[in-house]
Amino acid sequence: MNDQAYAETVKKTLLDCIADLDSIKWLFLKHPEADFTRDRKFSFQKLVKIMLLIDGGSLQNELMKYFSFADDTPTKSAFCQQRAKVLPEAIRFLFSIFTERLEALDTPKLFHGYRILAADGSDINIPYNPLDTETYHKNGDNRGYNQLHLNAFYDALNGIYADCVFEPDRKSHERAAFITMVDRYRSSISTIFLADRGYESYQVFAHLIRSGQKFLVRLKEPGSNGILSTYNFPDGEFDNLNLETILTHRQTKEVLANRDKYTVISDVSNPKVV
């Protein structure tokens, strides 16, 4: 399949997913008995498409572009009123079914039989609202800003996002988000999880081991506040140095007397993130 044909197939797949979402929209509306029951400029399908297509301009300008600068283009107030009727779970469901169907379009590229899922986080600026204490940051004497924090699983070989977690930036917890995505990951393909230094934690390692997952996590360098700070390293450069520890919940006499052999961790059950 050439690039143009693949792009058209992806577009059709997305439109089909939006149509399927529309067929069960009552599951994702605040008042399903009343919302989107009359024909309007903003049908449910059109609203979802606009939300996906909105670019970096003002909302009214984006609406003007979508409706081809027609005289009867709906106002941004009308858009916001319709958008407020839809639950956030609608977009998550759309993301899930679209990703699932996208993966089925072609034989996935693998690394020695493994799917490679890379985790990383990023801050996302959102509209200014100093009253939203969970996302608002002060900026000295300047006007502050609001941010969400995104954690995502990215299929490094196939260019597909497999999952994501959004959190208010001031309450973000990358390791908890990582565990949440691992726990809800379902695939028949053997997978290796990659993660950067923000996900470094014995707690995360223990959870992955208990789940039977393979993983590779980049650690902070010795001398930092990472887990390597507890080890003694030789001077100069070195390769192929194996470090071993036994992860345990127990604090027995043997464990307490052999701190170089054991690492005590708390419960590895999932700290849930929405």
C-alpha atoms as a PDB file:
ATOM      1  CA  MET A   1       0.000   0.000   0.000  1.00  0.00           C
ATOM      2  CA  ASN A   2       1.539   3.338  -1.067  1.00  0.00           C
ATOM      3  CA  ASP A   3       1.562   6.405   1.172  1.00  0.00           C
ATOM      4  CA  GLN A   4      -1.439   8.104  -0.434  1.00  0.00           C
ATOM      5  CA  ALA A   5      -3.571   4.965  -0.342  1.00  0.00           C
ATOM      6  CA  TYR A   6      -2.595   4.352   3.287  1.00  0.00           C
ATOM      7  CA  ALA A   7      -3.477   7.945   4.222  1.00  0.00           C
ATOM      8  CA  GLU A   8      -6.902   7.576   2.594  1.00  0.00           C
ATOM      9  CA  THR A   9      -7.429   4.297   4.433  1.00  0.00           C
ATOM     10  CA  VAL A  10      -6.504   5.887   7.753  1.00  0.00           C
ATOM     11  CA  LYS A  11      -8.908   8.788   7.093  1.00  0.00           C
ATOM     12  CA  LYS A  12     -11.756   6.403   6.225  1.00  0.00           C
ATOM     13  CA  THR A  13     -11.014   4.349   9.335  1.00  0.00           C
ATOM     14  CA  LEU A  14     -11.257   7.457  11.515  1.00  0.00           C
ATOM     15  CA  LEU A  15     -14.537   8.557   9.912  1.00  0.00           C
ATOM     16  CA  ASP A  16     -15.955   5.054  10.373  1.00  0.00           C
ATOM     17  CA  CYS A  17     -14.955   5.152  14.043  1.00  0.00           C
ATOM     18  CA  ILE A  18     -16.670   8.531  14.494  1.00  0.00           C
ATOM     19  CA  ALA A  19     -19.817   7.110  12.869  1.00  0.00           C
ATOM     20  CA  ASP A  20     -19.705   4.103  15.211  1.00  0.00           C
ATOM     21  CA  LEU A  21     -19.278   6.446  18.183  1.00  0.00           C
ATOM     22  CA  ASP A  22     -22.302   8.417  16.968  1.00  0.00           C
ATOM     23  CA  SER A  23     -24.397   5.231  16.884  1.00  0.00           C
ATOM     24  CA  ILE A  24     -23.920   4.810  20.642  1.00  0.00           C
ATOM     25  CA  LYS A  25     -23.548   8.483  21.572  1.00  0.00           C
ATOM     26  CA  TRP A  26     -26.135   8.179  24.332  1.00  0.00           C
ATOM     27  CA  LEU A  27     -23.489   6.379  26.389  1.00  0.00           C
ATOM     28  CA  PHE A  28     -21.313   9.499  26.355  1.00  0.00           C
ATOM     29  CA  LEU A  29     -23.826  12.314  26.891  1.00  0.00           C
ATOM     30  CA  LYS A  30     -24.645  14.045  30.162  1.00  0.00           C
ATOM     31  CA  HIS A  31     -28.370  14.017  29.370  1.00  0.00           C
ATOM     32  CA  PRO A  32     -28.878  11.347  26.682  1.00  0.00           C
ATOM     33  CA  GLU A  33     -32.657  11.742  26.699  1.00  0.00           C
ATOM     34  CA  ALA A  34     -32.344  15.376  25.555  1.00  0.00           C
ATOM     35  CA  ASP A  35     -28.860  16.080  24.161  1.00  0.00           C
ATOM     36  CA  PHE A  36     -28.380  16.036  20.358  1.00  0.00           C
ATOM     37  CA  THR A  37     -31.982  14.984  19.716  1.00  0.00           C
ATOM     38  CA  ARG A  38     -32.690  17.821  17.229  1.00  0.00           C
ATOM     39  CA  ASP A  39     -30.972  18.685  13.956  1.00  0.00           C
ATOM     40  CA  ARG A  40     -28.541  21.522  14.515  1.00  0.00           C
ATOM     41  CA  LYS A  41     -25.458  22.978  12.909  1.00  0.00           C
ATOM     42  CA  PHE A  42     -23.572  20.980  15.528  1.00  0.00           C
ATOM     43  CA  SER A  43     -24.600  17.362  15.167  1.00  0.00           C
ATOM     44  CA  PHE A  44     -22.725  14.941  17.409  1.00  0.00           C
ATOM     45  CA  GLN A  45     -20.530  13.720  14.544  1.00  0.00           C
ATOM     46  CA  LYS A  46     -19.762  17.239  13.361  1.00  0.00           C
ATOM     47  CA  LEU A  47     -18.884  18.332  16.891  1.00  0.00           C
ATOM     48  CA  VAL A  48     -16.391  15.472  17.263  1.00  0.00           C
ATOM     49  CA  LYS A  49     -14.811  16.246  13.882  1.00  0.00           C
ATOM     50  CA  ILE A  50     -14.419  19.919  14.770  1.00  0.00           C
ATOM     51  CA  MET A  51     -12.774  19.027  18.096  1.00  0.00           C
ATOM     52  CA  LEU A  52     -10.257  16.890  16.224  1.00  0.00           C
ATOM     53  CA  LEU A  53      -9.608  19.508  13.526  1.00  0.00           C
ATOM     54  CA  ILE A  54      -9.271  22.626  15.674  1.00  0.00           C
ATOM     55  CA  ASP A  55      -5.898  24.240  15.039  1.00  0.00           C
ATOM     56  CA  GLY A  56      -4.004  26.941  16.915  1.00  0.00           C
ATOM     57  CA  GLY A  57      -6.216  29.902  15.998  1.00  0.00           C
ATOM     58  CA  SER A  58      -9.002  31.425  18.031  1.00  0.00           C
ATOM     59  CA  LEU A  59     -12.084  29.263  18.399  1.00  0.00           C
ATOM     60  CA  GLN A  60     -14.265  31.569  16.283  1.00  0.00           C
ATOM     61  CA  ASN A  61     -11.688  31.630  13.475  1.00  0.00           C
ATOM     62  CA  GLU A  62     -11.450  27.840  13.554  1.00  0.00           C
ATOM     63  CA  LEU A  63     -15.228  27.567  13.306  1.00  0.00           C
ATOM     64  CA  MET A  64     -15.223  30.016  10.379  1.00  0.00           C
ATOM     65  CA  LYS A  65     -12.668  27.878   8.548  1.00  0.00           C
ATOM     66  CA  TYR A  66     -14.592  24.657   9.202  1.00  0.00           C
ATOM     67  CA  PHE A  67     -17.865  26.131   7.906  1.00  0.00           C
ATOM     68  CA  SER A  68     -16.121  27.765   4.914  1.00  0.00           C
ATOM     69  CA  PHE A  69     -16.734  31.303   6.240  1.00  0.00           C
ATOM     70  CA  ALA A  70     -20.493  30.960   5.779  1.00  0.00           C
ATOM     71  CA  ASP A  71     -22.740  33.755   7.065  1.00  0.00           C
ATOM     72  CA  ASP A  72     -24.557  31.318   9.345  1.00  0.00           C
ATOM     73  CA  THR A  73     -21.410  29.911  10.971  1.00  0.00           C
ATOM     74  CA  PRO A  74     -22.278  28.966  14.575  1.00  0.00           C
ATOM     75  CA  THR A  75     -20.823  31.098  17.336  1.00  0.00           C
ATOM     76  CA  LYS A  76     -18.146  29.900  19.729  1.00  0.00           C
ATOM     77  CA  SER A  77     -20.763  30.108  22.490  1.00  0.00           C
ATOM     78  CA  ALA A  78     -22.957  27.629  20.614  1.00  0.00           C
ATOM     79  CA  PHE A  79     -19.964  25.330  20.147  1.00  0.00           C
ATOM     80  CA  CYS A  80     -19.075  25.440  23.844  1.00  0.00           C
ATOM     81  CA  GLN A  81     -22.668  24.697  24.835  1.00  0.00           C
ATOM     82  CA  GLN A  82     -22.763  21.616  22.615  1.00  0.00           C
ATOM     83  CA  ARG A  83     -19.305  20.460  23.697  1.00  0.00           C
ATOM     84  CA  ALA A  84     -20.334  20.668  27.360  1.00  0.00           C
ATOM     85  CA  LYS A  85     -22.960  17.986  26.715  1.00  0.00           C
ATOM     86  CA  VAL A  86     -20.331  15.356  25.844  1.00  0.00           C
ATOM     87  CA  LEU A  87     -18.489  13.338  28.486  1.00  0.00           C
ATOM     88  CA  PRO A  88     -14.675  13.056  28.219  1.00  0.00           C
ATOM     89  CA  GLU A  89     -15.039   9.263  27.913  1.00  0.00           C
ATOM     90  CA  ALA A  90     -16.293   9.765  24.341  1.00  0.00           C
ATOM     91  CA  ILE A  91     -12.851  10.836  23.125  1.00  0.00           C
ATOM     92  CA  ARG A  92     -11.120   8.043  25.019  1.00  0.00           C
ATOM     93  CA  PHE A  93     -13.449   5.488  23.418  1.00  0.00           C
ATOM     94  CA  LEU A  94     -12.814   6.988  19.980  1.00  0.00           C
ATOM     95  CA  PHE A  95      -9.055   6.853  20.590  1.00  0.00           C
ATOM     96  CA  SER A  96      -9.276   3.197  21.661  1.00  0.00           C
ATOM     97  CA  ILE A  97     -11.301   1.888  18.729  1.00  0.00           C
ATOM     98  CA  PHE A  98      -9.354   3.969  16.186  1.00  0.00           C
ATOM     99  CA  THR A  99      -6.004   2.729  17.504  1.00  0.00           C
ATOM    100  CA  GLU A 100      -7.226  -0.866  17.552  1.00  0.00           C
ATOM    101  CA  ARG A 101      -8.404  -0.696  13.936  1.00  0.00           C
ATOM    102  CA  LEU A 102      -5.302   1.187  12.838  1.00  0.00           C
ATOM    103  CA  GLU A 103      -3.104  -1.593  14.202  1.00  0.00           C
ATOM    104  CA  ALA A 104      -5.076  -4.115  12.140  1.00  0.00           C
ATOM    105  CA  LEU A 105      -4.544  -2.290   8.821  1.00  0.00           C
ATOM    106  CA  ASP A 106      -1.113  -3.756   8.241  1.00  0.00           C
ATOM    107  CA  THR A 107       1.290  -6.348   9.615  1.00  0.00           C
ATOM    108  CA  PRO A 108       3.072  -4.611  12.510  1.00  0.00           C
ATOM    109  CA  LYS A 109       6.821  -4.078  12.446  1.00  0.00           C
ATOM    110  CA  LEU A 110       8.548  -5.906  15.286  1.00  0.00           C
ATOM    111  CA  PHE A 111      12.012  -6.013  16.842  1.00  0.00           C
ATOM    112  CA  HIS A 112      13.075  -9.670  17.066  1.00  0.00           C
ATOM    113  CA  GLY A 113       9.421 -10.587  17.565  1.00  0.00           C
ATOM    114  CA  TYR A 114       8.700  -7.808  20.080  1.00  0.00           C
ATOM    115  CA  ARG A 115       6.589  -4.710  19.858  1.00  0.00           C
ATOM    116  CA  ILE A 116       8.470  -1.685  21.190  1.00  0.00           C
ATOM    117  CA  LEU A 117       6.363   0.679  23.293  1.00  0.00           C
ATOM    118  CA  ALA A 118       8.128   3.819  24.499  1.00  0.00           C
ATOM    119  CA  ALA A 119       6.772   5.906  27.384  1.00  0.00           C
ATOM    120  CA  ASP A 120       7.431   9.589  27.854  1.00  0.00           C
ATOM    121  CA  GLY A 121       5.761  12.644  29.313  1.00  0.00           C
ATOM    122  CA  SER A 122       5.149  16.192  28.139  1.00  0.00           C
ATOM    123  CA  ASP A 123       3.537  19.359  29.485  1.00  0.00           C
ATOM    124  CA  ILE A 124       0.660  20.848  27.477  1.00  0.00           C
ATOM    125  CA  ASN A 125      -0.447  24.458  27.826  1.00  0.00           C
ATOM    126  CA  ILE A 126      -4.179  25.017  28.231  1.00  0.00           C
ATOM    127  CA  PRO A 127      -6.286  28.233  28.463  1.00  0.00           C
ATOM    128  CA  TYR A 128      -5.346  30.613  31.260  1.00  0.00           C
ATOM    129  CA  ASN A 129      -7.435  30.126  34.388  1.00  0.00           C
ATOM    130  CA  PRO A 130      -5.861  31.136  37.717  1.00  0.00           C
ATOM    131  CA  LEU A 131      -8.858  29.680  39.573  1.00  0.00           C
ATOM    132  CA  ASP A 132      -7.955  26.153  38.444  1.00  0.00           C
ATOM    133  CA  THR A 133      -5.484  25.407  41.216  1.00  0.00           C
ATOM    134  CA  GLU A 134      -4.664  21.912  39.907  1.00  0.00           C
ATOM    135  CA  THR A 135      -3.219  23.223  36.637  1.00  0.00           C
ATOM    136  CA  TYR A 136      -2.244  26.834  37.400  1.00  0.00           C
ATOM    137  CA  HIS A 137       1.408  27.849  37.889  1.00  0.00           C
ATOM    138  CA  LYS A 138       2.564  31.242  39.106  1.00  0.00           C
ATOM    139  CA  ASN A 139       5.298  32.855  37.063  1.00  0.00           C
ATOM    140  CA  GLY A 140       6.944  35.402  39.334  1.00  0.00           C
ATOM    141  CA  ASP A 141       5.541  38.844  38.706  1.00  0.00           C
ATOM    142  CA  ASN A 142       4.377  37.825  35.231  1.00  0.00           C
ATOM    143  CA  ARG A 143       1.054  36.348  34.288  1.00  0.00           C
ATOM    144  CA  GLY A 144       0.942  32.668  35.229  1.00  0.00           C
ATOM    145  CA  TYR A 145      -0.067  29.733  33.061  1.00  0.00           C
ATOM    146  CA  ASN A 146      -2.065  26.490  33.140  1.00  0.00           C
ATOM    147  CA  GLN A 147      -0.806  23.087  32.081  1.00  0.00           C
ATOM    148  CA  LEU A 148      -1.825  19.469  31.807  1.00  0.00           C
ATOM    149  CA  HIS A 149       0.724  16.663  31.877  1.00  0.00           C
ATOM    150  CA  LEU A 150       0.573  13.966  29.216  1.00  0.00           C
ATOM    151  CA  ASN A 151       1.992  10.470  29.556  1.00  0.00           C
ATOM    152  CA  ALA A 152       1.855   8.332  26.427  1.00  0.00           C
ATOM    153  CA  PHE A 153       2.807   4.932  25.024  1.00  0.00           C
ATOM    154  CA  TYR A 154       4.195   5.243  21.502  1.00  0.00           C
ATOM    155  CA  ASP A 155       4.809   2.289  19.185  1.00  0.00           C
ATOM    156  CA  ALA A 156       8.307   3.261  18.073  1.00  0.00           C
ATOM    157  CA  LEU A 157       8.396   1.016  15.001  1.00  0.00           C
ATOM    158  CA  ASN A 158       4.871   1.576  13.689  1.00  0.00           C
ATOM    159  CA  GLY A 159       4.315   5.245  14.522  1.00  0.00           C
ATOM    160  CA  ILE A 160       1.105   4.697  16.510  1.00  0.00           C
ATOM    161  CA  TYR A 161       0.139   5.948  19.961  1.00  0.00           C
ATOM    162  CA  ALA A 162      -1.120   2.989  21.959  1.00  0.00           C
ATOM    163  CA  ASP A 163      -2.357   4.768  25.083  1.00  0.00           C
ATOM    164  CA  CYS A 164      -2.201   8.035  26.995  1.00  0.00           C
ATOM    165  CA  VAL A 165      -3.008   9.546  30.371  1.00  0.00           C
ATOM    166  CA  PHE A 166      -3.757  13.238  30.958  1.00  0.00           C
ATOM    167  CA  GLU A 167      -3.362  14.687  34.447  1.00  0.00           C
ATOM    168  CA  PRO A 168      -3.557  18.149  36.008  1.00  0.00           C
ATOM    169  CA  ASP A 169       0.082  19.227  35.975  1.00  0.00           C
ATOM    170  CA  ARG A 170       0.279  20.021  39.677  1.00  0.00           C
ATOM    171  CA  LYS A 171      -1.054  16.555  40.497  1.00  0.00           C
ATOM    172  CA  SER A 172       0.822  14.612  37.841  1.00  0.00           C
ATOM    173  CA  HIS A 173       2.556  11.366  38.767  1.00  0.00           C
ATOM    174  CA  GLU A 174       4.469   9.862  35.855  1.00  0.00           C
ATOM    175  CA  ARG A 175       5.204   6.523  37.508  1.00  0.00           C
ATOM    176  CA  ALA A 176       1.590   5.986  38.537  1.00  0.00           C
ATOM    177  CA  ALA A 177       0.448   6.907  35.017  1.00  0.00           C
ATOM    178  CA  PHE A 178       2.965   4.451  33.550  1.00  0.00           C
ATOM    179  CA  ILE A 179       1.636   1.632  35.746  1.00  0.00           C
ATOM    180  CA  THR A 180      -1.944   2.533  34.810  1.00  0.00           C
ATOM    181  CA  MET A 181      -1.145   2.215  31.088  1.00  0.00           C
ATOM    182  CA  VAL A 182       0.721  -1.052  31.594  1.00  0.00           C
ATOM    183  CA  ASP A 183      -2.210  -2.538  33.501  1.00  0.00           C
ATOM    184  CA  ARG A 184      -4.761  -1.708  30.832  1.00  0.00           C
ATOM    185  CA  TYR A 185      -2.508  -2.742  27.925  1.00  0.00           C
ATOM    186  CA  ARG A 186      -3.897  -5.726  26.043  1.00  0.00           C
ATOM    187  CA  SER A 187      -2.080  -7.308  23.135  1.00  0.00           C
ATOM    188  CA  SER A 188      -1.259 -10.800  21.927  1.00  0.00           C
ATOM    189  CA  ILE A 189       2.115  -9.510  20.694  1.00  0.00           C
ATOM    190  CA  SER A 190       5.089  -9.818  23.045  1.00  0.00           C
ATOM    191  CA  THR A 191       6.119  -6.306  24.064  1.00  0.00           C
ATOM    192  CA  ILE A 192       9.139  -4.502  25.481  1.00  0.00           C
ATOM    193  CA  PHE A 193       8.387  -1.298  27.396  1.00  0.00           C
ATOM    194  CA  LEU A 194      10.911   1.532  27.168  1.00  0.00           C
ATOM    195  CA  ALA A 195      10.885   4.501  29.532  1.00  0.00           C
ATOM    196  CA  ASP A 196      12.956   7.577  30.304  1.00  0.00           C
ATOM    197  CA  ARG A 197      14.334   8.693  33.666  1.00  0.00           C
ATOM    198  CA  GLY A 198      11.057  10.141  34.923  1.00  0.00           C
ATOM    199  CA  TYR A 199       9.711   6.589  35.308  1.00  0.00           C
ATOM    200  CA  GLU A 200      12.681   5.252  37.286  1.00  0.00           C
ATOM    201  CA  SER A 201      11.422   3.484  40.407  1.00  0.00           C
ATOM    202  CA  TYR A 202      11.824   0.132  42.150  1.00  0.00           C
ATOM    203  CA  GLN A 203       8.067   0.272  42.590  1.00  0.00           C
ATOM    204  CA  VAL A 204       7.593   0.400  38.819  1.00  0.00           C
ATOM    205  CA  PHE A 205      10.146  -2.374  38.270  1.00  0.00           C
ATOM    206  CA  ALA A 206       8.442  -4.630  40.804  1.00  0.00           C
ATOM    207  CA  HIS A 207       5.052  -4.032  39.192  1.00  0.00           C
ATOM    208  CA  LEU A 208       6.388  -4.861  35.725  1.00  0.00           C
ATOM    209  CA  ILE A 209       8.158  -8.000  36.964  1.00  0.00           C
ATOM    210  CA  ARG A 210       5.049  -9.207  38.752  1.00  0.00           C
ATOM    211  CA  SER A 211       3.042  -8.553  35.571  1.00  0.00           C
ATOM    212  CA  GLY A 212       5.492 -10.670  33.548  1.00  0.00           C
ATOM    213  CA  GLN A 213       6.558  -7.747  31.334  1.00  0.00           C
ATOM    214  CA  LYS A 214       9.922  -7.063  29.711  1.00  0.00           C
ATOM    215  CA  PHE A 215      11.257  -3.537  30.076  1.00  0.00           C
ATOM    216  CA  LEU A 216      14.215  -1.207  29.708  1.00  0.00           C
ATOM    217  CA  VAL A 217      14.289   2.019  31.725  1.00  0.00           C
ATOM    218  CA  ARG A 218      16.913   4.754  31.535  1.00  0.00           C
ATOM    219  CA  LEU A 219      18.248   5.682  34.983  1.00  0.00           C
ATOM    220  CA  LYS A 220      19.630   8.888  36.399  1.00  0.00           C
ATOM    221  CA  GLU A 221      23.406   8.918  36.587  1.00  0.00           C
ATOM    222  CA  PRO A 222      25.263   7.964  39.792  1.00  0.00           C
ATOM    223  CA  GLY A 223      25.542  10.866  42.192  1.00  0.00           C
ATOM    224  CA  SER A 224      22.047  12.139  41.405  1.00  0.00           C
ATOM    225  CA  ASN A 225      18.907  11.466  43.433  1.00  0.00           C
ATOM    226  CA  GLY A 226      18.081   8.321  41.446  1.00  0.00           C
ATOM    227  CA  ILE A 227      18.192   4.704  42.577  1.00  0.00           C
ATOM    228  CA  LEU A 228      21.823   4.347  41.447  1.00  0.00           C
ATOM    229  CA  SER A 229      22.853   6.711  44.238  1.00  0.00           C
ATOM    230  CA  THR A 230      22.774   3.775  46.679  1.00  0.00           C
ATOM    231  CA  TYR A 231      25.531   1.876  44.830  1.00  0.00           C
ATOM    232  CA  ASN A 232      29.295   2.296  44.855  1.00  0.00           C
ATOM    233  CA  PHE A 233      30.777   2.551  41.384  1.00  0.00           C
ATOM    234  CA  PRO A 234      34.406   2.235  40.279  1.00  0.00           C
ATOM    235  CA  ASP A 235      36.250   5.370  39.211  1.00  0.00           C
ATOM    236  CA  GLY A 236      36.433   6.249  35.525  1.00  0.00           C
ATOM    237  CA  GLU A 237      34.463   4.671  32.692  1.00  0.00           C
ATOM    238  CA  PHE A 238      33.108   1.147  32.859  1.00  0.00           C
ATOM    239  CA  ASP A 239      30.818  -1.154  30.877  1.00  0.00           C
ATOM    240  CA  ASN A 240      28.992  -4.406  31.541  1.00  0.00           C
ATOM    241  CA  LEU A 241      28.602  -3.816  35.270  1.00  0.00           C
ATOM    242  CA  ASN A 242      25.852  -5.982  36.752  1.00  0.00           C
ATOM    243  CA  LEU A 243      23.957  -4.680  39.781  1.00  0.00           C
ATOM    244  CA  GLU A 244      21.649  -6.985  41.705  1.00  0.00           C
ATOM    245  CA  THR A 245      19.085  -6.449  44.443  1.00  0.00           C
ATOM    246  CA  ILE A 246      16.163  -8.413  45.820  1.00  0.00           C
ATOM    247  CA  LEU A 247      12.891  -6.484  46.029  1.00  0.00           C
ATOM    248  CA  THR A 248      10.805  -7.325  49.073  1.00  0.00           C
ATOM    249  CA  HIS A 249       7.944  -6.030  51.207  1.00  0.00           C
ATOM    250  CA  ARG A 250       9.268  -7.660  54.366  1.00  0.00           C
ATOM    251  CA  GLN A 251      11.475  -6.023  56.926  1.00  0.00           C
ATOM    252  CA  THR A 252      12.828  -9.091  58.664  1.00  0.00           C
ATOM    253  CA  LYS A 253      16.082  -9.235  60.616  1.00  0.00           C
ATOM    254  CA  GLU A 254      17.830 -10.697  57.586  1.00  0.00           C
ATOM    255  CA  VAL A 255      16.576  -7.926  55.310  1.00  0.00           C
ATOM    256  CA  LEU A 256      17.491  -5.159  57.732  1.00  0.00           C
ATOM    257  CA  ALA A 257      20.950  -6.650  58.257  1.00  0.00           C
ATOM    258  CA  ASN A 258      21.668  -6.924  54.510  1.00  0.00           C
ATOM    259  CA  ARG A 259      20.708  -3.599  52.965  1.00  0.00           C
ATOM    260  CA  ASP A 260      23.199  -4.187  50.160  1.00  0.00           C
ATOM    261  CA  LYS A 261      21.299  -7.333  49.160  1.00  0.00           C
ATOM    262  CA  TYR A 262      17.661  -6.310  49.679  1.00  0.00           C
ATOM    263  CA  THR A 263      15.569  -3.288  48.709  1.00  0.00           C
ATOM    264  CA  VAL A 264      12.375  -2.788  50.705  1.00  0.00           C
ATOM    265  CA  ILE A 265       9.446  -1.421  48.724  1.00  0.00           C
ATOM    266  CA  SER A 266       5.825  -0.740  49.598  1.00  0.00           C
ATOM    267  CA  ASP A 267       2.848  -2.437  48.002  1.00  0.00           C
ATOM    268  CA  VAL A 268       3.156  -2.574  44.202  1.00  0.00           C
ATOM    269  CA  SER A 269      -0.589  -2.380  43.652  1.00  0.00           C
ATOM    270  CA  ASN A 270      -1.563   0.213  41.089  1.00  0.00           C
ATOM    271  CA  PRO A 271      -1.945   3.819  42.287  1.00  0.00           C
ATOM    272  CA  LYS A 272      -4.855   4.593  39.952  1.00  0.00           C
ATOM    273  CA  VAL A 273      -4.743   7.596  37.681  1.00  0.00           C
ATOM    274  CA  VAL A 274      -7.773   8.842  35.722  1.00  0.00           C
END
